[in-house]
Structure formats: C-alpha cells, structure tokens
Amino acid sequence: MTVREIGRAIKSDSHKTWDMVERLRKSGLVVKRDYAGGRKYVALNRQLPIYRPLLHLLLALDKHWPGQRINRASARWHMPFDRNLTAERTDHIFQSPVRSRILLFICAVGETDMSTIYKLLGLGSVSTMLIVNHWEKQGIVCTRWFKKHRLVKLDPKFIVAKKLKALMREIVVHSDEYRMLRKVARARLGKLIKAANATR
C-alpha cells in the first residue's frame, strides 16, 4: 500500500500516518520504497526472521478488528526487504524502547517480580511500575501477589495471547541479551520465592 492509502484506510491525516510508518520502519517490521510521482509504498518486511509469527498475530487481530481492504494488485517489486533483527530494532517494536524492553523481558522470563525488571534492565522503579501498569491496563500482562512481591507475566486471557506470545518468543530466540537475562531473572525469582517461604 502507499502511505496515502494507509491514511485513508485508517482515517488518519498524512502527518500522523507518516509518523506511524516511520516508527514501524525504525523497528524493521515494515519497509518503504519511493516511486515516481511521489508515491511511497509500504509493506511488511517479508525477510525478517519474525515475519511469520508477526503475520499470524496481525491476521488474528484482524479477525477481531477488521481493517479496510484495498482492491488492487499488490506492489511488492523491488521492496528493500532485509533480515536484520538488531537490538536497536527490537527496542522499537512495542511503541518505545522502554516499553519494548519491559514487555520482551517479561515474555522471556515467563513470570518475574518488579525489582528484577528494573534492576536487570537498569530502569527506575517508578518508570517500571508505570509501564507495567500500562501493559496491564491494555490487558497484555497480569499481576499476582506473592507475599509482598508483585509478580507479572503475559496475560493468557488477552484476546490474541497465543499469537502475541509466539511472536515475542521468536524475538527472544534471536536475542543473546534476552536469553541471558532470562537465565539470570529466573534464578533471582527462585531465590526470592525460597527466601519468602523461609520467613513463614
């Protein structure tokens, strides 16, 4: 689709649509190419290692919130697809670097406590709390309390939870950093639970 067609489909002005496309391009999820006449075509990055789970997630979302279709042939010729899933790109997949890192961290670990999130990611406790609250408000993560510790994980009741989890796990698979963080965080949580049980 062209950027103009996207704007019409989602009923957004050209400036906002351009900003959204640029954010997605920065994350590597989409690619853009200019053509004669000022047309700018946009497509999903079909060579990205996470393309399949991303496509499955988007199609699952489309079943619940159908998007407008464009009745014409696709224009995919010479689009600049690439396979680069860098750390800089993954930091921008879910809205912002901090939001992305926290959500991917939770997914990588499975379940974790708040202090482990902000200590291992080098974030402030207040900003971590606000972002976790944001994802919980969206229905993407859920909370349970163990003693005085707030534990968070992906919410299995989210409307497309399985597809979202599959996408984020694929991102983690391609990240040495998140695989390392998962190992450390799980060890920390085990010690936390053991220590909390010992204080009964």
N, C-alpha and C. Protein backbone atom coordinates (compact mmCIF):
# COMPACT_ATOMS: atom_id res chain seq x y z
N MET A 1 0.84 -1.19 0.00
CA MET A 1 0.00 0.00 0.00
C MET A 1 0.88 1.24 0.00
N THR A 2 0.33 2.33 -0.50
CA THR A 2 1.03 3.60 -0.39
C THR A 2 0.72 4.21 0.97
N VAL A 3 1.54 5.13 1.40
CA VAL A 3 1.30 5.82 2.67
C VAL A 3 -0.04 6.53 2.63
N ARG A 4 -0.38 7.09 1.50
CA ARG A 4 -1.67 7.78 1.35
C ARG A 4 -2.84 6.81 1.51
N GLU A 5 -2.72 5.61 0.95
CA GLU A 5 -3.79 4.61 1.07
C GLU A 5 -3.95 4.16 2.52
N ILE A 6 -2.84 4.03 3.22
CA ILE A 6 -2.90 3.66 4.63
C ILE A 6 -3.67 4.72 5.41
N GLY A 7 -3.34 5.99 5.16
CA GLY A 7 -4.03 7.09 5.85
C GLY A 7 -5.54 7.06 5.61
N ARG A 8 -5.93 6.81 4.36
CA ARG A 8 -7.36 6.73 4.04
C ARG A 8 -8.01 5.55 4.74
N ALA A 9 -7.31 4.41 4.77
CA ALA A 9 -7.89 3.20 5.35
C ALA A 9 -8.13 3.33 6.84
N ILE A 10 -7.21 4.00 7.54
CA ILE A 10 -7.34 4.12 9.00
C ILE A 10 -7.92 5.48 9.40
N LYS A 11 -8.31 6.27 8.38
CA LYS A 11 -8.92 7.59 8.62
C LYS A 11 -8.01 8.48 9.47
N SER A 12 -6.77 8.61 9.02
CA SER A 12 -5.79 9.43 9.73
C SER A 12 -5.18 10.43 8.75
N ASP A 13 -4.76 11.58 9.27
CA ASP A 13 -4.16 12.56 8.38
C ASP A 13 -2.76 12.11 7.96
N SER A 14 -2.24 12.75 6.92
CA SER A 14 -0.98 12.30 6.32
C SER A 14 0.20 12.41 7.28
N HIS A 15 0.21 13.44 8.11
CA HIS A 15 1.33 13.63 9.04
C HIS A 15 1.38 12.50 10.07
N LYS A 16 0.25 12.17 10.67
CA LYS A 16 0.21 11.09 11.66
C LYS A 16 0.54 9.75 11.02
N THR A 17 0.01 9.53 9.82
CA THR A 17 0.28 8.26 9.13
C THR A 17 1.77 8.13 8.82
N TRP A 18 2.38 9.21 8.36
CA TRP A 18 3.81 9.21 8.06
C TRP A 18 4.61 8.89 9.31
N ASP A 19 4.26 9.50 10.45
CA ASP A 19 4.96 9.24 11.70
C ASP A 19 4.85 7.76 12.10
N MET A 20 3.65 7.19 11.95
CA MET A 20 3.45 5.78 12.30
C MET A 20 4.27 4.86 11.41
N VAL A 21 4.29 5.16 10.12
CA VAL A 21 5.07 4.36 9.18
C VAL A 21 6.55 4.44 9.52
N GLU A 22 7.03 5.62 9.85
CA GLU A 22 8.44 5.78 10.18
C GLU A 22 8.82 5.03 11.45
N ARG A 23 7.93 5.01 12.44
CA ARG A 23 8.20 4.25 13.67
C ARG A 23 8.28 2.75 13.36
N LEU A 24 7.36 2.28 12.53
CA LEU A 24 7.37 0.86 12.15
C LEU A 24 8.60 0.52 11.32
N ARG A 25 9.01 1.44 10.47
CA ARG A 25 10.21 1.22 9.66
C ARG A 25 11.46 1.17 10.54
N LYS A 26 11.49 2.00 11.58
CA LYS A 26 12.62 2.01 12.50
C LYS A 26 12.74 0.68 13.24
N SER A 27 11.61 0.04 13.48
CA SER A 27 11.62 -1.26 14.16
C SER A 27 11.95 -2.40 13.20
N GLY A 28 11.95 -2.12 11.90
CA GLY A 28 12.24 -3.16 10.91
C GLY A 28 11.04 -3.99 10.52
N LEU A 29 9.87 -3.71 11.11
CA LEU A 29 8.68 -4.51 10.81
C LEU A 29 8.16 -4.22 9.40
N VAL A 30 8.34 -3.00 8.94
CA VAL A 30 7.91 -2.66 7.58
C VAL A 30 9.07 -2.04 6.81
N VAL A 31 8.96 -2.06 5.51
CA VAL A 31 9.93 -1.40 4.64
C VAL A 31 9.18 -0.42 3.75
N LYS A 32 9.88 0.57 3.24
CA LYS A 32 9.26 1.61 2.42
C LYS A 32 10.15 1.88 1.20
N ARG A 33 9.49 2.16 0.09
CA ARG A 33 10.25 2.48 -1.13
C ARG A 33 9.54 3.60 -1.88
N ASP A 34 10.30 4.56 -2.36
CA ASP A 34 9.74 5.67 -3.13
C ASP A 34 9.66 5.28 -4.61
N TYR A 35 8.58 5.74 -5.27
CA TYR A 35 8.41 5.51 -6.69
C TYR A 35 8.10 6.83 -7.39
N ALA A 36 8.17 6.79 -8.68
CA ALA A 36 7.94 8.00 -9.48
C ALA A 36 6.57 8.60 -9.16
N GLY A 37 6.51 9.91 -9.19
CA GLY A 37 5.25 10.59 -8.92
C GLY A 37 5.03 10.87 -7.44
N GLY A 38 6.05 10.60 -6.62
CA GLY A 38 5.92 10.88 -5.20
C GLY A 38 5.23 9.79 -4.40
N ARG A 39 4.90 8.68 -5.03
CA ARG A 39 4.25 7.58 -4.30
C ARG A 39 5.27 6.86 -3.42
N LYS A 40 4.85 6.54 -2.21
CA LYS A 40 5.72 5.84 -1.26
C LYS A 40 5.01 4.56 -0.83
N TYR A 41 5.53 3.42 -1.26
CA TYR A 41 4.91 2.14 -0.96
C TYR A 41 5.48 1.55 0.33
N VAL A 42 4.60 0.91 1.08
CA VAL A 42 4.98 0.31 2.36
C VAL A 42 4.52 -1.14 2.37
N ALA A 43 5.35 -2.03 2.94
CA ALA A 43 4.99 -3.45 3.04
C ALA A 43 5.62 -4.05 4.28
N LEU A 44 5.04 -5.14 4.76
CA LEU A 44 5.68 -5.88 5.84
C LEU A 44 7.04 -6.39 5.35
N ASN A 45 8.02 -6.41 6.25
CA ASN A 45 9.36 -6.90 5.90
C ASN A 45 9.33 -8.42 5.84
N ARG A 46 9.15 -8.96 4.65
CA ARG A 46 8.91 -10.39 4.46
C ARG A 46 10.14 -11.26 4.73
N GLN A 47 11.33 -10.66 4.80
CA GLN A 47 12.53 -11.46 5.06
C GLN A 47 12.94 -11.44 6.54
N LEU A 48 12.26 -10.67 7.35
CA LEU A 48 12.60 -10.60 8.76
C LEU A 48 12.38 -11.97 9.41
N PRO A 49 13.28 -12.43 10.29
CA PRO A 49 13.14 -13.76 10.91
C PRO A 49 11.82 -13.96 11.66
N ILE A 50 11.20 -12.86 12.10
CA ILE A 50 9.95 -12.97 12.85
C ILE A 50 8.73 -12.71 11.97
N TYR A 51 8.90 -12.72 10.65
CA TYR A 51 7.81 -12.36 9.75
C TYR A 51 6.58 -13.26 9.93
N ARG A 52 6.77 -14.56 10.00
CA ARG A 52 5.63 -15.49 10.09
C ARG A 52 4.80 -15.27 11.35
N PRO A 53 5.42 -15.29 12.54
CA PRO A 53 4.60 -15.05 13.74
C PRO A 53 4.01 -13.64 13.77
N LEU A 54 4.70 -12.67 13.17
CA LEU A 54 4.13 -11.32 13.08
C LEU A 54 2.88 -11.33 12.21
N LEU A 55 2.95 -11.98 11.07
CA LEU A 55 1.80 -12.07 10.16
C LEU A 55 0.63 -12.78 10.84
N HIS A 56 0.91 -13.87 11.55
CA HIS A 56 -0.15 -14.61 12.24
C HIS A 56 -0.82 -13.76 13.32
N LEU A 57 -0.02 -12.95 14.03
CA LEU A 57 -0.58 -12.06 15.05
C LEU A 57 -1.48 -11.01 14.40
N LEU A 58 -1.02 -10.41 13.31
CA LEU A 58 -1.80 -9.37 12.66
C LEU A 58 -3.10 -9.92 12.09
N LEU A 59 -3.05 -11.13 11.53
CA LEU A 59 -4.27 -11.74 11.00
C LEU A 59 -5.25 -12.09 12.12
N ALA A 60 -4.71 -12.51 13.27
CA ALA A 60 -5.58 -12.81 14.43
C ALA A 60 -6.24 -11.53 14.93
N LEU A 61 -5.48 -10.45 14.99
CA LEU A 61 -6.05 -9.16 15.40
C LEU A 61 -7.10 -8.70 14.40
N ASP A 62 -6.85 -8.95 13.12
CA ASP A 62 -7.78 -8.52 12.07
C ASP A 62 -9.13 -9.23 12.17
N LYS A 63 -9.13 -10.43 12.73
CA LYS A 63 -10.40 -11.14 12.91
C LYS A 63 -11.29 -10.42 13.92
N HIS A 64 -10.68 -9.79 14.90
CA HIS A 64 -11.45 -9.08 15.93
C HIS A 64 -11.69 -7.63 15.57
N TRP A 65 -10.73 -7.00 14.90
CA TRP A 65 -10.85 -5.60 14.48
C TRP A 65 -10.49 -5.51 13.00
N PRO A 66 -11.41 -5.88 12.11
CA PRO A 66 -11.09 -5.94 10.67
C PRO A 66 -10.62 -4.60 10.12
N GLY A 67 -9.55 -4.68 9.32
CA GLY A 67 -9.04 -3.49 8.65
C GLY A 67 -9.63 -3.37 7.27
N GLN A 68 -9.59 -2.17 6.73
CA GLN A 68 -10.11 -1.93 5.38
C GLN A 68 -9.18 -2.55 4.35
N ARG A 69 -9.78 -3.19 3.34
CA ARG A 69 -9.00 -3.79 2.25
C ARG A 69 -8.87 -2.82 1.08
N ILE A 70 -7.76 -2.94 0.36
CA ILE A 70 -7.54 -2.14 -0.84
C ILE A 70 -7.70 -3.06 -2.05
N ASN A 71 -8.67 -2.77 -2.90
CA ASN A 71 -8.97 -3.64 -4.03
C ASN A 71 -8.09 -3.34 -5.24
N ARG A 72 -6.85 -3.78 -5.14
CA ARG A 72 -5.96 -3.68 -6.30
C ARG A 72 -4.80 -4.64 -6.08
N ALA A 73 -4.05 -4.87 -7.14
CA ALA A 73 -2.92 -5.79 -7.04
C ALA A 73 -1.86 -5.23 -6.10
N SER A 74 -1.16 -6.14 -5.41
CA SER A 74 -0.09 -5.71 -4.52
C SER A 74 1.11 -5.22 -5.33
N ALA A 75 1.84 -4.25 -4.77
CA ALA A 75 3.02 -3.70 -5.44
C ALA A 75 4.25 -4.00 -4.60
N ARG A 76 4.85 -5.18 -4.80
CA ARG A 76 5.97 -5.59 -3.96
C ARG A 76 7.30 -5.58 -4.73
N TRP A 77 7.30 -5.07 -5.93
CA TRP A 77 8.52 -5.14 -6.73
C TRP A 77 9.64 -4.31 -6.11
N HIS A 78 10.78 -4.95 -6.01
CA HIS A 78 12.00 -4.28 -5.55
C HIS A 78 11.86 -3.59 -4.19
N MET A 79 11.03 -4.14 -3.31
CA MET A 79 10.95 -3.58 -1.96
C MET A 79 12.23 -3.96 -1.21
N PRO A 80 12.75 -3.08 -0.36
CA PRO A 80 14.04 -3.33 0.30
C PRO A 80 13.93 -4.22 1.53
N PHE A 81 13.46 -5.46 1.33
CA PHE A 81 13.36 -6.40 2.45
C PHE A 81 14.75 -6.73 3.00
N ASP A 82 14.83 -7.04 4.28
CA ASP A 82 16.11 -7.45 4.87
C ASP A 82 15.86 -8.33 6.08
N ARG A 83 16.91 -9.00 6.55
CA ARG A 83 16.79 -9.95 7.66
C ARG A 83 17.36 -9.40 8.98
N ASN A 84 17.63 -8.13 9.05
CA ASN A 84 18.32 -7.57 10.21
C ASN A 84 17.39 -7.36 11.40
N LEU A 85 17.51 -8.23 12.39
CA LEU A 85 16.74 -8.07 13.63
C LEU A 85 17.72 -7.65 14.72
N THR A 86 18.11 -6.39 14.68
CA THR A 86 19.11 -5.88 15.61
C THR A 86 18.46 -5.49 16.94
N ALA A 87 19.31 -5.30 17.95
CA ALA A 87 18.82 -4.86 19.26
C ALA A 87 18.14 -3.49 19.15
N GLU A 88 18.69 -2.63 18.32
CA GLU A 88 18.08 -1.30 18.14
C GLU A 88 16.67 -1.42 17.57
N ARG A 89 16.47 -2.36 16.67
CA ARG A 89 15.15 -2.55 16.08
C ARG A 89 14.17 -3.14 17.09
N THR A 90 14.57 -4.17 17.81
CA THR A 90 13.66 -4.77 18.78
C THR A 90 13.25 -3.79 19.86
N ASP A 91 14.11 -2.82 20.14
CA ASP A 91 13.78 -1.80 21.14
C ASP A 91 12.62 -0.91 20.71
N HIS A 92 12.26 -0.95 19.44
CA HIS A 92 11.19 -0.07 18.94
C HIS A 92 9.96 -0.83 18.45
N ILE A 93 9.90 -2.13 18.69
CA ILE A 93 8.77 -2.90 18.17
C ILE A 93 7.48 -2.56 18.90
N PHE A 94 7.54 -2.41 20.22
CA PHE A 94 6.33 -2.16 21.01
C PHE A 94 6.33 -0.72 21.54
N GLN A 95 6.10 0.22 20.65
CA GLN A 95 5.87 1.64 20.95
C GLN A 95 7.12 2.43 21.30
N SER A 96 7.90 2.00 22.27
CA SER A 96 9.08 2.77 22.68
C SER A 96 10.13 1.81 23.22
N PRO A 97 11.40 2.22 23.29
CA PRO A 97 12.44 1.32 23.80
C PRO A 97 12.16 0.77 25.19
N VAL A 98 11.72 1.61 26.12
CA VAL A 98 11.50 1.13 27.49
C VAL A 98 10.30 0.20 27.55
N ARG A 99 9.21 0.55 26.87
CA ARG A 99 8.04 -0.33 26.85
C ARG A 99 8.37 -1.66 26.18
N SER A 100 9.13 -1.59 25.10
CA SER A 100 9.51 -2.81 24.39
C SER A 100 10.38 -3.71 25.26
N ARG A 101 11.37 -3.12 25.91
CA ARG A 101 12.29 -3.92 26.72
C ARG A 101 11.59 -4.58 27.90
N ILE A 102 10.69 -3.87 28.54
CA ILE A 102 9.98 -4.45 29.68
C ILE A 102 9.07 -5.59 29.22
N LEU A 103 8.34 -5.38 28.14
CA LEU A 103 7.43 -6.43 27.66
C LEU A 103 8.20 -7.66 27.19
N LEU A 104 9.29 -7.46 26.46
CA LEU A 104 10.09 -8.58 25.99
C LEU A 104 10.76 -9.30 27.16
N PHE A 105 11.17 -8.55 28.17
CA PHE A 105 11.78 -9.15 29.36
C PHE A 105 10.78 -10.06 30.06
N ILE A 106 9.55 -9.56 30.25
CA ILE A 106 8.51 -10.37 30.90
C ILE A 106 8.24 -11.63 30.10
N CYS A 107 8.18 -11.49 28.79
CA CYS A 107 7.95 -12.66 27.94
C CYS A 107 9.10 -13.65 28.03
N ALA A 108 10.32 -13.14 28.02
CA ALA A 108 11.50 -14.02 28.06
C ALA A 108 11.55 -14.81 29.36
N VAL A 109 11.21 -14.16 30.47
CA VAL A 109 11.32 -14.81 31.78
C VAL A 109 10.14 -15.72 32.07
N GLY A 110 8.95 -15.31 31.64
CA GLY A 110 7.74 -16.08 31.91
C GLY A 110 6.95 -15.44 33.03
N GLU A 111 7.55 -15.31 34.19
CA GLU A 111 6.96 -14.57 35.31
C GLU A 111 8.11 -13.98 36.11
N THR A 112 7.95 -12.74 36.54
CA THR A 112 9.03 -12.08 37.24
C THR A 112 8.48 -11.05 38.20
N ASP A 113 9.33 -10.61 39.14
CA ASP A 113 8.91 -9.58 40.08
C ASP A 113 9.39 -8.22 39.61
N MET A 114 8.81 -7.18 40.17
CA MET A 114 9.09 -5.83 39.72
C MET A 114 10.56 -5.42 39.91
N SER A 115 11.13 -5.76 41.07
CA SER A 115 12.51 -5.34 41.34
C SER A 115 13.49 -5.98 40.37
N THR A 116 13.22 -7.21 39.96
CA THR A 116 14.09 -7.87 38.99
C THR A 116 14.04 -7.16 37.65
N ILE A 117 12.85 -6.69 37.26
CA ILE A 117 12.73 -5.98 35.99
C ILE A 117 13.60 -4.74 35.99
N TYR A 118 13.41 -3.87 37.00
CA TYR A 118 14.13 -2.60 36.92
C TYR A 118 15.61 -2.72 37.24
N LYS A 119 15.98 -3.72 38.03
CA LYS A 119 17.41 -3.89 38.34
C LYS A 119 18.18 -4.46 37.15
N LEU A 120 17.63 -5.48 36.51
CA LEU A 120 18.35 -6.10 35.40
C LEU A 120 18.31 -5.26 34.13
N LEU A 121 17.26 -4.46 33.97
CA LEU A 121 17.18 -3.61 32.79
C LEU A 121 17.77 -2.23 33.03
N GLY A 122 18.15 -1.95 34.27
CA GLY A 122 18.75 -0.66 34.59
C GLY A 122 17.77 0.49 34.49
N LEU A 123 16.52 0.26 34.93
CA LEU A 123 15.48 1.27 34.86
C LEU A 123 15.10 1.77 36.25
N GLY A 124 14.41 2.88 36.31
CA GLY A 124 13.91 3.39 37.57
C GLY A 124 12.69 2.60 38.03
N SER A 125 12.51 2.48 39.33
CA SER A 125 11.39 1.70 39.85
C SER A 125 10.04 2.33 39.50
N VAL A 126 9.96 3.66 39.52
CA VAL A 126 8.69 4.33 39.22
C VAL A 126 8.33 4.17 37.75
N SER A 127 9.30 4.39 36.84
CA SER A 127 9.00 4.24 35.42
C SER A 127 8.64 2.80 35.08
N THR A 128 9.30 1.84 35.74
CA THR A 128 8.97 0.43 35.54
C THR A 128 7.53 0.15 35.96
N MET A 129 7.14 0.67 37.13
CA MET A 129 5.78 0.47 37.63
C MET A 129 4.76 1.07 36.66
N LEU A 130 5.02 2.29 36.16
CA LEU A 130 4.08 2.95 35.26
C LEU A 130 3.93 2.17 33.96
N ILE A 131 5.02 1.63 33.44
CA ILE A 131 4.95 0.90 32.18
C ILE A 131 4.27 -0.46 32.37
N VAL A 132 4.57 -1.14 33.47
CA VAL A 132 3.87 -2.40 33.74
C VAL A 132 2.38 -2.14 33.91
N ASN A 133 2.04 -1.05 34.59
CA ASN A 133 0.62 -0.67 34.74
C ASN A 133 -0.02 -0.41 33.38
N HIS A 134 0.74 0.23 32.49
CA HIS A 134 0.23 0.49 31.14
C HIS A 134 -0.09 -0.81 30.41
N TRP A 135 0.84 -1.77 30.43
CA TRP A 135 0.61 -3.04 29.74
C TRP A 135 -0.51 -3.83 30.41
N GLU A 136 -0.64 -3.69 31.73
CA GLU A 136 -1.74 -4.39 32.40
C GLU A 136 -3.08 -3.77 32.03
N LYS A 137 -3.11 -2.45 31.92
CA LYS A 137 -4.34 -1.76 31.52
C LYS A 137 -4.76 -2.18 30.11
N GLN A 138 -3.79 -2.45 29.24
CA GLN A 138 -4.07 -2.91 27.87
C GLN A 138 -4.50 -4.38 27.84
N GLY A 139 -4.38 -5.06 28.97
CA GLY A 139 -4.76 -6.47 29.03
C GLY A 139 -3.68 -7.42 28.56
N ILE A 140 -2.48 -6.93 28.38
CA ILE A 140 -1.40 -7.75 27.83
C ILE A 140 -0.61 -8.48 28.92
N VAL A 141 -0.47 -7.88 30.09
CA VAL A 141 0.16 -8.57 31.22
C VAL A 141 -0.83 -8.61 32.38
N CYS A 142 -0.58 -9.49 33.32
CA CYS A 142 -1.42 -9.58 34.51
C CYS A 142 -0.53 -9.71 35.75
N THR A 143 -1.10 -9.41 36.89
CA THR A 143 -0.35 -9.37 38.15
C THR A 143 -0.92 -10.37 39.14
N ARG A 144 -0.03 -10.94 39.94
CA ARG A 144 -0.45 -11.67 41.14
C ARG A 144 0.53 -11.32 42.25
N TRP A 145 0.07 -11.44 43.48
CA TRP A 145 0.92 -11.10 44.62
C TRP A 145 1.38 -12.36 45.33
N PHE A 146 2.67 -12.40 45.60
CA PHE A 146 3.26 -13.47 46.39
C PHE A 146 3.93 -12.82 47.60
N LYS A 147 3.31 -13.01 48.76
CA LYS A 147 3.76 -12.28 49.95
C LYS A 147 3.65 -10.78 49.65
N LYS A 148 4.75 -10.06 49.73
CA LYS A 148 4.74 -8.62 49.44
C LYS A 148 5.27 -8.32 48.05
N HIS A 149 5.48 -9.33 47.25
CA HIS A 149 6.08 -9.15 45.92
C HIS A 149 5.02 -9.18 44.82
N ARG A 150 5.09 -8.21 43.94
CA ARG A 150 4.20 -8.17 42.79
C ARG A 150 4.85 -8.92 41.63
N LEU A 151 4.22 -10.00 41.21
CA LEU A 151 4.73 -10.81 40.10
C LEU A 151 3.89 -10.53 38.86
N VAL A 152 4.56 -10.41 37.72
CA VAL A 152 3.86 -10.12 36.48
C VAL A 152 4.23 -11.14 35.41
N LYS A 153 3.28 -11.37 34.51
CA LYS A 153 3.51 -12.26 33.37
C LYS A 153 2.54 -11.87 32.26
N LEU A 154 2.72 -12.45 31.08
CA LEU A 154 1.77 -12.21 30.00
C LEU A 154 0.41 -12.75 30.40
N ASP A 155 -0.64 -12.01 30.09
CA ASP A 155 -1.98 -12.43 30.46
C ASP A 155 -2.51 -13.46 29.46
N PRO A 156 -2.74 -14.71 29.91
CA PRO A 156 -3.23 -15.73 28.98
C PRO A 156 -4.65 -15.46 28.48
N LYS A 157 -5.34 -14.49 29.10
CA LYS A 157 -6.71 -14.16 28.69
C LYS A 157 -6.75 -13.08 27.62
N PHE A 158 -5.58 -12.50 27.28
CA PHE A 158 -5.56 -11.50 26.22
C PHE A 158 -6.11 -12.11 24.94
N ILE A 159 -6.83 -11.31 24.17
CA ILE A 159 -7.63 -11.84 23.07
C ILE A 159 -6.82 -12.60 22.01
N VAL A 160 -5.56 -12.23 21.83
CA VAL A 160 -4.69 -12.97 20.90
C VAL A 160 -3.41 -13.37 21.62
N ALA A 161 -3.55 -13.83 22.85
CA ALA A 161 -2.40 -14.10 23.72
C ALA A 161 -1.41 -15.09 23.10
N LYS A 162 -1.91 -16.17 22.52
CA LYS A 162 -1.01 -17.20 21.98
C LYS A 162 -0.18 -16.67 20.82
N LYS A 163 -0.81 -15.91 19.94
CA LYS A 163 -0.09 -15.36 18.79
C LYS A 163 0.93 -14.31 19.23
N LEU A 164 0.54 -13.48 20.21
CA LEU A 164 1.47 -12.48 20.71
C LEU A 164 2.66 -13.14 21.39
N LYS A 165 2.39 -14.15 22.18
CA LYS A 165 3.47 -14.88 22.87
C LYS A 165 4.41 -15.54 21.87
N ALA A 166 3.85 -16.11 20.81
CA ALA A 166 4.68 -16.76 19.78
C ALA A 166 5.60 -15.75 19.11
N LEU A 167 5.08 -14.55 18.84
CA LEU A 167 5.91 -13.52 18.22
C LEU A 167 7.04 -13.10 19.15
N MET A 168 6.72 -12.83 20.41
CA MET A 168 7.74 -12.35 21.34
C MET A 168 8.77 -13.43 21.64
N ARG A 169 8.36 -14.68 21.70
CA ARG A 169 9.32 -15.77 21.92
C ARG A 169 10.28 -15.87 20.73
N GLU A 170 9.77 -15.64 19.54
CA GLU A 170 10.64 -15.68 18.36
C GLU A 170 11.66 -14.54 18.40
N ILE A 171 11.23 -13.38 18.90
CA ILE A 171 12.17 -12.26 19.05
C ILE A 171 13.25 -12.63 20.06
N VAL A 172 12.85 -13.24 21.18
CA VAL A 172 13.80 -13.64 22.22
C VAL A 172 14.79 -14.66 21.70
N VAL A 173 14.31 -15.60 20.88
CA VAL A 173 15.18 -16.62 20.30
C VAL A 173 16.34 -16.00 19.54
N HIS A 174 16.09 -14.87 18.90
CA HIS A 174 17.12 -14.21 18.08
C HIS A 174 17.90 -13.15 18.86
N SER A 175 17.78 -13.15 20.19
CA SER A 175 18.46 -12.14 21.01
C SER A 175 19.31 -12.79 22.09
N ASP A 176 20.62 -12.68 21.97
CA ASP A 176 21.51 -13.20 23.01
C ASP A 176 21.24 -12.50 24.35
N GLU A 177 20.93 -11.20 24.28
CA GLU A 177 20.71 -10.43 25.50
C GLU A 177 19.52 -10.96 26.30
N TYR A 178 18.39 -11.17 25.64
CA TYR A 178 17.20 -11.61 26.37
C TYR A 178 17.32 -13.05 26.85
N ARG A 179 18.04 -13.88 26.12
CA ARG A 179 18.27 -15.25 26.60
C ARG A 179 19.12 -15.24 27.86
N MET A 180 20.11 -14.35 27.92
CA MET A 180 20.94 -14.22 29.10
C MET A 180 20.13 -13.66 30.27
N LEU A 181 19.34 -12.63 30.00
CA LEU A 181 18.51 -12.03 31.05
C LEU A 181 17.51 -13.04 31.60
N ARG A 182 16.97 -13.90 30.74
CA ARG A 182 16.03 -14.92 31.19
C ARG A 182 16.66 -15.83 32.22
N LYS A 183 17.87 -16.27 31.96
CA LYS A 183 18.57 -17.17 32.87
C LYS A 183 18.80 -16.52 34.24
N VAL A 184 19.27 -15.27 34.21
CA VAL A 184 19.55 -14.56 35.46
C VAL A 184 18.27 -14.27 36.23
N ALA A 185 17.23 -13.81 35.52
CA ALA A 185 15.97 -13.44 36.17
C ALA A 185 15.27 -14.64 36.79
N ARG A 186 15.30 -15.77 36.12
CA ARG A 186 14.66 -16.97 36.68
C ARG A 186 15.38 -17.44 37.94
N ALA A 187 16.70 -17.31 37.95
CA ALA A 187 17.46 -17.67 39.15
C ALA A 187 17.11 -16.73 40.30
N ARG A 188 16.96 -15.44 40.01
CA ARG A 188 16.60 -14.45 41.03
C ARG A 188 15.22 -14.74 41.61
N LEU A 189 14.27 -15.07 40.74
CA LEU A 189 12.91 -15.35 41.20
C LEU A 189 12.89 -16.59 42.09
N GLY A 190 13.66 -17.60 41.71
CA GLY A 190 13.74 -18.81 42.54
C GLY A 190 14.25 -18.51 43.94
N LYS A 191 15.28 -17.66 44.01
CA LYS A 191 15.83 -17.28 45.33
C LYS A 191 14.83 -16.46 46.12
N LEU A 192 14.12 -15.58 45.43
CA LEU A 192 13.12 -14.73 46.10
C LEU A 192 12.03 -15.58 46.73
N ILE A 193 11.51 -16.53 45.98
CA ILE A 193 10.43 -17.39 46.49
C ILE A 193 10.92 -18.26 47.63
N LYS A 194 12.13 -18.77 47.49
CA LYS A 194 12.71 -19.60 48.55
C LYS A 194 12.88 -18.80 49.84
N ALA A 195 13.38 -17.55 49.70
CA ALA A 195 13.59 -16.71 50.88
C ALA A 195 12.27 -16.32 51.52
N ALA A 196 11.26 -16.02 50.69
CA ALA A 196 9.95 -15.63 51.21
C ALA A 196 9.28 -16.80 51.95
N ASN A 197 9.43 -18.00 51.42
CA ASN A 197 8.85 -19.18 52.09
C ASN A 197 9.55 -19.49 53.40
N ALA A 198 10.84 -19.15 53.46
CA ALA A 198 11.61 -19.44 54.68
C ALA A 198 11.27 -18.52 55.84
N THR A 199 10.56 -17.42 55.55
CA THR A 199 10.22 -16.44 56.59
C THR A 199 8.83 -16.66 57.15
N ARG A 200 8.20 -17.76 56.85
CA ARG A 200 6.86 -18.00 57.39
C ARG A 200 6.91 -18.11 58.91
